[in-house]
PDB file of all heavy atoms in Angstrom:
ATOM      1  N   GLY A   1      -9.719  -4.155   5.698  1.00  0.00           N
ATOM      2  CA  GLY A   1      -9.257  -3.070   6.570  1.00  0.00           C
ATOM      3  C   GLY A   1     -10.343  -2.292   7.281  1.00  0.00           C
ATOM      4  O   GLY A   1     -11.433  -2.299   6.817  1.00  0.00           O
ATOM      5  N   ARG A   2      -9.993  -1.709   8.374  1.00  0.00           N
ATOM      6  CA  ARG A   2     -10.928  -0.898   9.111  1.00  0.00           C
ATOM      7  C   ARG A   2     -10.943   0.550   8.672  1.00  0.00           C
ATOM      8  O   ARG A   2      -9.976   1.059   8.156  1.00  0.00           O
ATOM      9  CB  ARG A   2     -10.554  -0.934  10.626  1.00  0.00           C
ATOM     10  CG  ARG A   2     -10.574  -2.323  11.223  1.00  0.00           C
ATOM     11  CD  ARG A   2     -10.298  -2.267  12.697  1.00  0.00           C
ATOM     12  NE  ARG A   2     -10.373  -3.628  13.353  1.00  0.00           N
ATOM     13  CZ  ARG A   2     -10.187  -3.814  14.679  1.00  0.00           C
ATOM     14  NH1 ARG A   2      -9.791  -2.786  15.463  1.00  0.00           N
ATOM     15  NH2 ARG A   2     -10.263  -5.034  15.124  1.00  0.00           N
ATOM     16  N   VAL A   3     -12.105   1.189   8.794  1.00  0.00           N
ATOM     17  CA  VAL A   3     -12.310   2.545   8.494  1.00  0.00           C
ATOM     18  C   VAL A   3     -11.442   3.364   9.499  1.00  0.00           C
ATOM     19  O   VAL A   3     -11.575   3.215  10.687  1.00  0.00           O
ATOM     20  CB  VAL A   3     -13.751   2.956   8.522  1.00  0.00           C
ATOM     21  CG1 VAL A   3     -13.945   4.455   8.203  1.00  0.00           C
ATOM     22  CG2 VAL A   3     -14.548   2.105   7.627  1.00  0.00           C
ATOM     23  N   PRO A   4     -10.595   4.300   8.990  1.00  0.00           N
ATOM     24  CA  PRO A   4      -9.724   5.094   9.937  1.00  0.00           C
ATOM     25  C   PRO A   4     -10.560   5.970  10.734  1.00  0.00           C
ATOM     26  O   PRO A   4     -11.666   6.422  10.421  1.00  0.00           O
ATOM     27  CB  PRO A   4      -8.758   5.790   8.960  1.00  0.00           C
ATOM     28  CG  PRO A   4      -9.526   5.906   7.686  1.00  0.00           C
ATOM     29  CD  PRO A   4     -10.381   4.649   7.564  1.00  0.00           C
ATOM     30  N   LEU A   5     -10.048   6.380  11.909  1.00  0.00           N
ATOM     31  CA  LEU A   5     -10.725   7.277  12.765  1.00  0.00           C
ATOM     32  C   LEU A   5     -10.675   8.694  12.121  1.00  0.00           C
ATOM     33  O   LEU A   5      -9.823   9.035  11.365  1.00  0.00           O
ATOM     34  CB  LEU A   5      -9.876   7.345  14.097  1.00  0.00           C
ATOM     35  CG  LEU A   5      -9.957   6.066  14.955  1.00  0.00           C
ATOM     36  CD1 LEU A   5      -9.071   6.189  16.198  1.00  0.00           C
ATOM     37  CD2 LEU A   5     -11.339   5.653  15.293  1.00  0.00           C
ATOM     38  N   PRO A   6     -11.667   9.433  12.442  1.00  0.00           N
ATOM     39  CA  PRO A   6     -11.755  10.825  11.876  1.00  0.00           C
ATOM     40  C   PRO A   6     -10.699  11.768  12.521  1.00  0.00           C
ATOM     41  O   PRO A   6     -11.024  12.761  13.087  1.00  0.00           O
ATOM     42  CB  PRO A   6     -13.168  11.270  12.139  1.00  0.00           C
ATOM     43  CG  PRO A   6     -13.538  10.535  13.377  1.00  0.00           C
ATOM     44  CD  PRO A   6     -12.818   9.159  13.262  1.00  0.00           C
ATOM     45  N   ILE A   7      -9.463  11.431  12.302  1.00  0.00           N
ATOM     46  CA  ILE A   7      -8.379  12.192  12.813  1.00  0.00           C
ATOM     47  C   ILE A   7      -7.589  12.670  11.595  1.00  0.00           C
ATOM     48  O   ILE A   7      -7.302  11.944  10.679  1.00  0.00           O
ATOM     49  CB  ILE A   7      -7.530  11.430  13.778  1.00  0.00           C
ATOM     50  CG1 ILE A   7      -8.334  10.862  14.970  1.00  0.00           C
ATOM     51  CG2 ILE A   7      -6.343  12.199  14.285  1.00  0.00           C
ATOM     52  CD1 ILE A   7      -7.517  10.023  15.946  1.00  0.00           C
ATOM     53  N   GLU A   8      -7.067  13.866  11.696  1.00  0.00           N
ATOM     54  CA  GLU A   8      -6.350  14.411  10.543  1.00  0.00           C
ATOM     55  C   GLU A   8      -5.037  13.674  10.332  1.00  0.00           C
ATOM     56  O   GLU A   8      -4.321  13.418  11.271  1.00  0.00           O
ATOM     57  CB  GLU A   8      -5.998  15.891  10.796  1.00  0.00           C
ATOM     58  CG  GLU A   8      -5.290  16.595   9.650  1.00  0.00           C
ATOM     59  CD  GLU A   8      -5.038  18.055   9.940  1.00  0.00           C
ATOM     60  OE1 GLU A   8      -5.405  18.513  11.081  1.00  0.00           O
ATOM     61  OE2 GLU A   8      -4.538  18.680   9.098  1.00  0.00           O
ATOM     62  N   GLY A   9      -4.838  13.210   9.132  1.00  0.00           N
ATOM     63  CA  GLY A   9      -3.627  12.509   8.771  1.00  0.00           C
ATOM     64  C   GLY A   9      -3.816  11.058   8.738  1.00  0.00           C
ATOM     65  O   GLY A   9      -2.959  10.270   8.156  1.00  0.00           O
ATOM     66  N   ARG A  10      -5.000  10.478   9.171  1.00  0.00           N
ATOM     67  CA  ARG A  10      -5.290   9.066   9.124  1.00  0.00           C
ATOM     68  C   ARG A  10      -5.780   8.768   7.689  1.00  0.00           C
ATOM     69  O   ARG A  10      -6.647   9.384   7.234  1.00  0.00           O
ATOM     70  CB  ARG A  10      -6.255   8.655  10.167  1.00  0.00           C
ATOM     71  CG  ARG A  10      -5.709   8.794  11.644  1.00  0.00           C
ATOM     72  CD  ARG A  10      -4.595   7.798  11.827  1.00  0.00           C
ATOM     73  NE  ARG A  10      -4.151   7.796  13.244  1.00  0.00           N
ATOM     74  CZ  ARG A  10      -4.688   7.035  14.232  1.00  0.00           C
ATOM     75  NH1 ARG A  10      -5.666   6.261  13.982  1.00  0.00           N
ATOM     76  NH2 ARG A  10      -4.215   7.216  15.457  1.00  0.00           N
ATOM     77  N   LYS A  11      -5.205   7.670   7.106  1.00  0.00           N
ATOM     78  CA  LYS A  11      -5.650   7.250   5.772  1.00  0.00           C
ATOM     79  C   LYS A  11      -6.126   5.815   5.838  1.00  0.00           C
ATOM     80  O   LYS A  11      -5.781   5.077   6.743  1.00  0.00           O
ATOM     81  CB  LYS A  11      -4.430   7.411   4.806  1.00  0.00           C
ATOM     82  CG  LYS A  11      -3.826   8.786   4.657  1.00  0.00           C
ATOM     83  CD  LYS A  11      -4.833   9.792   4.007  1.00  0.00           C
ATOM     84  CE  LYS A  11      -4.193  11.095   3.850  1.00  0.00           C
ATOM     85  NZ  LYS A  11      -5.069  12.073   3.163  1.00  0.00           N
ATOM     86  N   GLU A  12      -6.877   5.427   4.787  1.00  0.00           N
ATOM     87  CA  GLU A  12      -7.431   4.084   4.714  1.00  0.00           C
ATOM     88  C   GLU A  12      -6.442   3.063   4.341  1.00  0.00           C
ATOM     89  O   GLU A  12      -6.561   1.916   4.573  1.00  0.00           O
ATOM     90  CB  GLU A  12      -8.674   4.080   3.786  1.00  0.00           C
ATOM     91  CG  GLU A  12      -8.327   4.445   2.403  1.00  0.00           C
ATOM     92  CD  GLU A  12      -9.575   4.589   1.474  1.00  0.00           C
ATOM     93  OE1 GLU A  12     -10.670   4.864   2.068  1.00  0.00           O
ATOM     94  OE2 GLU A  12      -9.454   4.438   0.260  1.00  0.00           O
ATOM     95  N   GLY A  13      -5.454   3.434   3.540  1.00  0.00           N
ATOM     96  CA  GLY A  13      -4.444   2.555   3.009  1.00  0.00           C
ATOM     97  C   GLY A  13      -4.766   2.023   1.621  1.00  0.00           C
ATOM     98  O   GLY A  13      -5.957   1.853   1.300  1.00  0.00           O
ATOM     99  N   VAL A  14      -3.726   1.805   0.882  1.00  0.00           N
ATOM    100  CA  VAL A  14      -3.981   1.346  -0.525  1.00  0.00           C
ATOM    101  C   VAL A  14      -3.013   0.210  -0.900  1.00  0.00           C
ATOM    102  O   VAL A  14      -1.814   0.352  -0.513  1.00  0.00           O
ATOM    103  CB  VAL A  14      -3.756   2.556  -1.544  1.00  0.00           C
ATOM    104  CG1 VAL A  14      -4.066   2.104  -2.894  1.00  0.00           C
ATOM    105  CG2 VAL A  14      -4.613   3.719  -1.150  1.00  0.00           C
ATOM    106  N   TYR A  15      -3.539  -0.807  -1.556  1.00  0.00           N
ATOM    107  CA  TYR A  15      -2.685  -1.878  -2.065  1.00  0.00           C
ATOM    108  C   TYR A  15      -2.384  -1.592  -3.527  1.00  0.00           C
ATOM    109  O   TYR A  15      -3.299  -1.344  -4.344  1.00  0.00           O
ATOM    110  CB  TYR A  15      -3.448  -3.166  -1.988  1.00  0.00           C
ATOM    111  CG  TYR A  15      -3.457  -3.846  -0.656  1.00  0.00           C
ATOM    112  CD1 TYR A  15      -4.546  -3.630   0.246  1.00  0.00           C
ATOM    113  CD2 TYR A  15      -2.393  -4.668  -0.161  1.00  0.00           C
ATOM    114  CE1 TYR A  15      -4.594  -4.254   1.494  1.00  0.00           C
ATOM    115  CE2 TYR A  15      -2.476  -5.208   1.120  1.00  0.00           C
ATOM    116  CZ  TYR A  15      -3.526  -5.044   1.949  1.00  0.00           C
ATOM    117  OH  TYR A  15      -3.584  -5.582   3.189  1.00  0.00           O
ATOM    118  N   VAL A  16      -1.121  -1.501  -3.828  1.00  0.00           N
ATOM    119  CA  VAL A  16      -0.690  -1.214  -5.170  1.00  0.00           C
ATOM    120  C   VAL A  16       0.064  -2.394  -5.707  1.00  0.00           C
ATOM    121  O   VAL A  16       1.131  -2.768  -5.069  1.00  0.00           O
ATOM    122  CB  VAL A  16       0.147   0.088  -5.251  1.00  0.00           C
ATOM    123  CG1 VAL A  16       0.543   0.386  -6.686  1.00  0.00           C
ATOM    124  CG2 VAL A  16      -0.600   1.265  -4.620  1.00  0.00           C
ATOM    125  N   LYS A  17      -0.333  -3.002  -6.811  1.00  0.00           N
ATOM    126  CA  LYS A  17       0.353  -4.141  -7.386  1.00  0.00           C
ATOM    127  C   LYS A  17       1.192  -3.621  -8.599  1.00  0.00           C
ATOM    128  O   LYS A  17       0.623  -3.038  -9.468  1.00  0.00           O
ATOM    129  CB  LYS A  17      -0.670  -5.191  -7.777  1.00  0.00           C
ATOM    130  CG  LYS A  17       0.034  -6.474  -8.389  1.00  0.00           C
ATOM    131  CD  LYS A  17      -1.030  -7.489  -8.745  1.00  0.00           C
ATOM    132  CE  LYS A  17      -1.644  -8.070  -7.546  1.00  0.00           C
ATOM    133  NZ  LYS A  17      -2.639  -9.206  -7.961  1.00  0.00           N
ATOM    134  N   VAL A  18       2.464  -3.931  -8.559  1.00  0.00           N
ATOM    135  CA  VAL A  18       3.377  -3.562  -9.633  1.00  0.00           C
ATOM    136  C   VAL A  18       3.966  -4.814 -10.226  1.00  0.00           C
ATOM    137  O   VAL A  18       4.199  -5.751  -9.511  1.00  0.00           O
ATOM    138  CB  VAL A  18       4.475  -2.642  -9.012  1.00  0.00           C
ATOM    139  CG1 VAL A  18       5.454  -2.168 -10.115  1.00  0.00           C
ATOM    140  CG2 VAL A  18       3.902  -1.428  -8.290  1.00  0.00           C
ATOM    141  N   GLY A  19       4.051  -4.741 -11.554  1.00  0.00           N
ATOM    142  CA  GLY A  19       4.601  -5.922 -12.286  1.00  0.00           C
ATOM    143  C   GLY A  19       5.823  -5.578 -13.134  1.00  0.00           C
ATOM    144  O   GLY A  19       6.008  -4.403 -13.483  1.00  0.00           O
ATOM    145  N   SER A  20       6.617  -6.638 -13.362  1.00  0.00           N
ATOM    146  CA  SER A  20       7.798  -6.417 -14.186  1.00  0.00           C
ATOM    147  C   SER A  20       8.087  -7.810 -14.861  1.00  0.00           C
ATOM    148  O   SER A  20       7.685  -8.835 -14.435  1.00  0.00           O
ATOM    149  CB  SER A  20       8.968  -6.023 -13.350  1.00  0.00           C
ATOM    150  OG  SER A  20      10.166  -6.017 -14.141  1.00  0.00           O
ATOM    151  N   HIS A  21       8.852  -7.704 -15.999  1.00  0.00           N
ATOM    152  CA  HIS A  21       9.286  -8.922 -16.677  1.00  0.00           C
ATOM    153  C   HIS A  21      10.652  -9.360 -16.105  1.00  0.00           C
ATOM    154  O   HIS A  21      11.267 -10.359 -16.669  1.00  0.00           O
ATOM    155  CB  HIS A  21       9.419  -8.681 -18.229  1.00  0.00           C
ATOM    156  CG  HIS A  21       8.018  -8.521 -18.829  1.00  0.00           C
ATOM    157  ND1 HIS A  21       7.284  -9.597 -19.230  1.00  0.00           N
ATOM    158  CD2 HIS A  21       7.249  -7.394 -19.077  1.00  0.00           C
ATOM    159  CE1 HIS A  21       6.097  -9.244 -19.753  1.00  0.00           C
ATOM    160  NE2 HIS A  21       6.096  -7.841 -19.643  1.00  0.00           N
ATOM    161  N   SER A  22      11.208  -8.655 -15.197  1.00  0.00           N
ATOM    162  CA  SER A  22      12.559  -8.976 -14.616  1.00  0.00           C
ATOM    163  C   SER A  22      12.367  -9.560 -13.262  1.00  0.00           C
ATOM    164  O   SER A  22      11.322  -9.256 -12.504  1.00  0.00           O
ATOM    165  CB  SER A  22      13.410  -7.767 -14.564  1.00  0.00           C
ATOM    166  OG  SER A  22      13.589  -7.152 -15.801  1.00  0.00           O
ATOM    167  N   PRO A  23      13.300 -10.412 -12.839  1.00  0.00           N
ATOM    168  CA  PRO A  23      13.104 -11.029 -11.517  1.00  0.00           C
ATOM    169  C   PRO A  23      13.125 -10.036 -10.375  1.00  0.00           C
ATOM    170  O   PRO A  23      13.552  -8.899 -10.506  1.00  0.00           O
ATOM    171  CB  PRO A  23      14.231 -12.086 -11.406  1.00  0.00           C
ATOM    172  CG  PRO A  23      14.670 -12.301 -12.861  1.00  0.00           C
ATOM    173  CD  PRO A  23      14.398 -11.008 -13.576  1.00  0.00           C
ATOM    174  N   PHE A  24      12.798 -10.522  -9.135  1.00  0.00           N
ATOM    175  CA  PHE A  24      12.724  -9.689  -8.001  1.00  0.00           C
ATOM    176  C   PHE A  24      14.210  -9.403  -7.537  1.00  0.00           C
ATOM    177  O   PHE A  24      15.098 -10.204  -7.764  1.00  0.00           O
ATOM    178  CB  PHE A  24      12.110 -10.320  -6.854  1.00  0.00           C
ATOM    179  CG  PHE A  24      10.596 -10.665  -7.181  1.00  0.00           C
ATOM    180  CD1 PHE A  24      10.215 -12.022  -7.273  1.00  0.00           C
ATOM    181  CD2 PHE A  24       9.703  -9.738  -7.427  1.00  0.00           C
ATOM    182  CE1 PHE A  24       8.894 -12.318  -7.547  1.00  0.00           C
ATOM    183  CE2 PHE A  24       8.389 -10.010  -7.649  1.00  0.00           C
ATOM    184  CZ  PHE A  24       7.965 -11.335  -7.749  1.00  0.00           C
ATOM    185  N   SER A  25      14.420  -8.225  -6.962  1.00  0.00           N
ATOM    186  CA  SER A  25      15.739  -7.799  -6.459  1.00  0.00           C
ATOM    187  C   SER A  25      16.016  -8.546  -5.144  1.00  0.00           C
ATOM    188  O   SER A  25      15.075  -8.993  -4.455  1.00  0.00           O
ATOM    189  CB  SER A  25      15.772  -6.306  -6.330  1.00  0.00           C
ATOM    190  OG  SER A  25      14.856  -5.908  -5.375  1.00  0.00           O
ATOM    191  N   PRO A  26      17.281  -8.606  -4.841  1.00  0.00           N
ATOM    192  CA  PRO A  26      17.598  -9.214  -3.504  1.00  0.00           C
ATOM    193  C   PRO A  26      16.961  -8.476  -2.291  1.00  0.00           C
ATOM    194  O   PRO A  26      16.674  -9.001  -1.238  1.00  0.00           O
ATOM    195  CB  PRO A  26      19.094  -9.140  -3.409  1.00  0.00           C
ATOM    196  CG  PRO A  26      19.570  -9.100  -4.832  1.00  0.00           C
ATOM    197  CD  PRO A  26      18.511  -8.312  -5.602  1.00  0.00           C
ATOM    198  N   CYS A  27      16.692  -7.110  -2.540  1.00  0.00           N
ATOM    199  CA  CYS A  27      16.090  -6.423  -1.473  1.00  0.00           C
ATOM    200  C   CYS A  27      14.632  -6.837  -1.242  1.00  0.00           C
ATOM    201  O   CYS A  27      14.278  -7.044  -0.022  1.00  0.00           O
ATOM    202  CB  CYS A  27      16.096  -4.853  -1.845  1.00  0.00           C
ATOM    203  SG  CYS A  27      15.225  -3.765  -0.676  1.00  0.00           S
TER     204      CYS A  27
END
């Protein structure tokens, strides 16, 4: 990813991995 511009409210972004023992939902 690119470094965000120095503007208020701009974020770099985060990848969050979540796991479960149950299958994925239809959504």
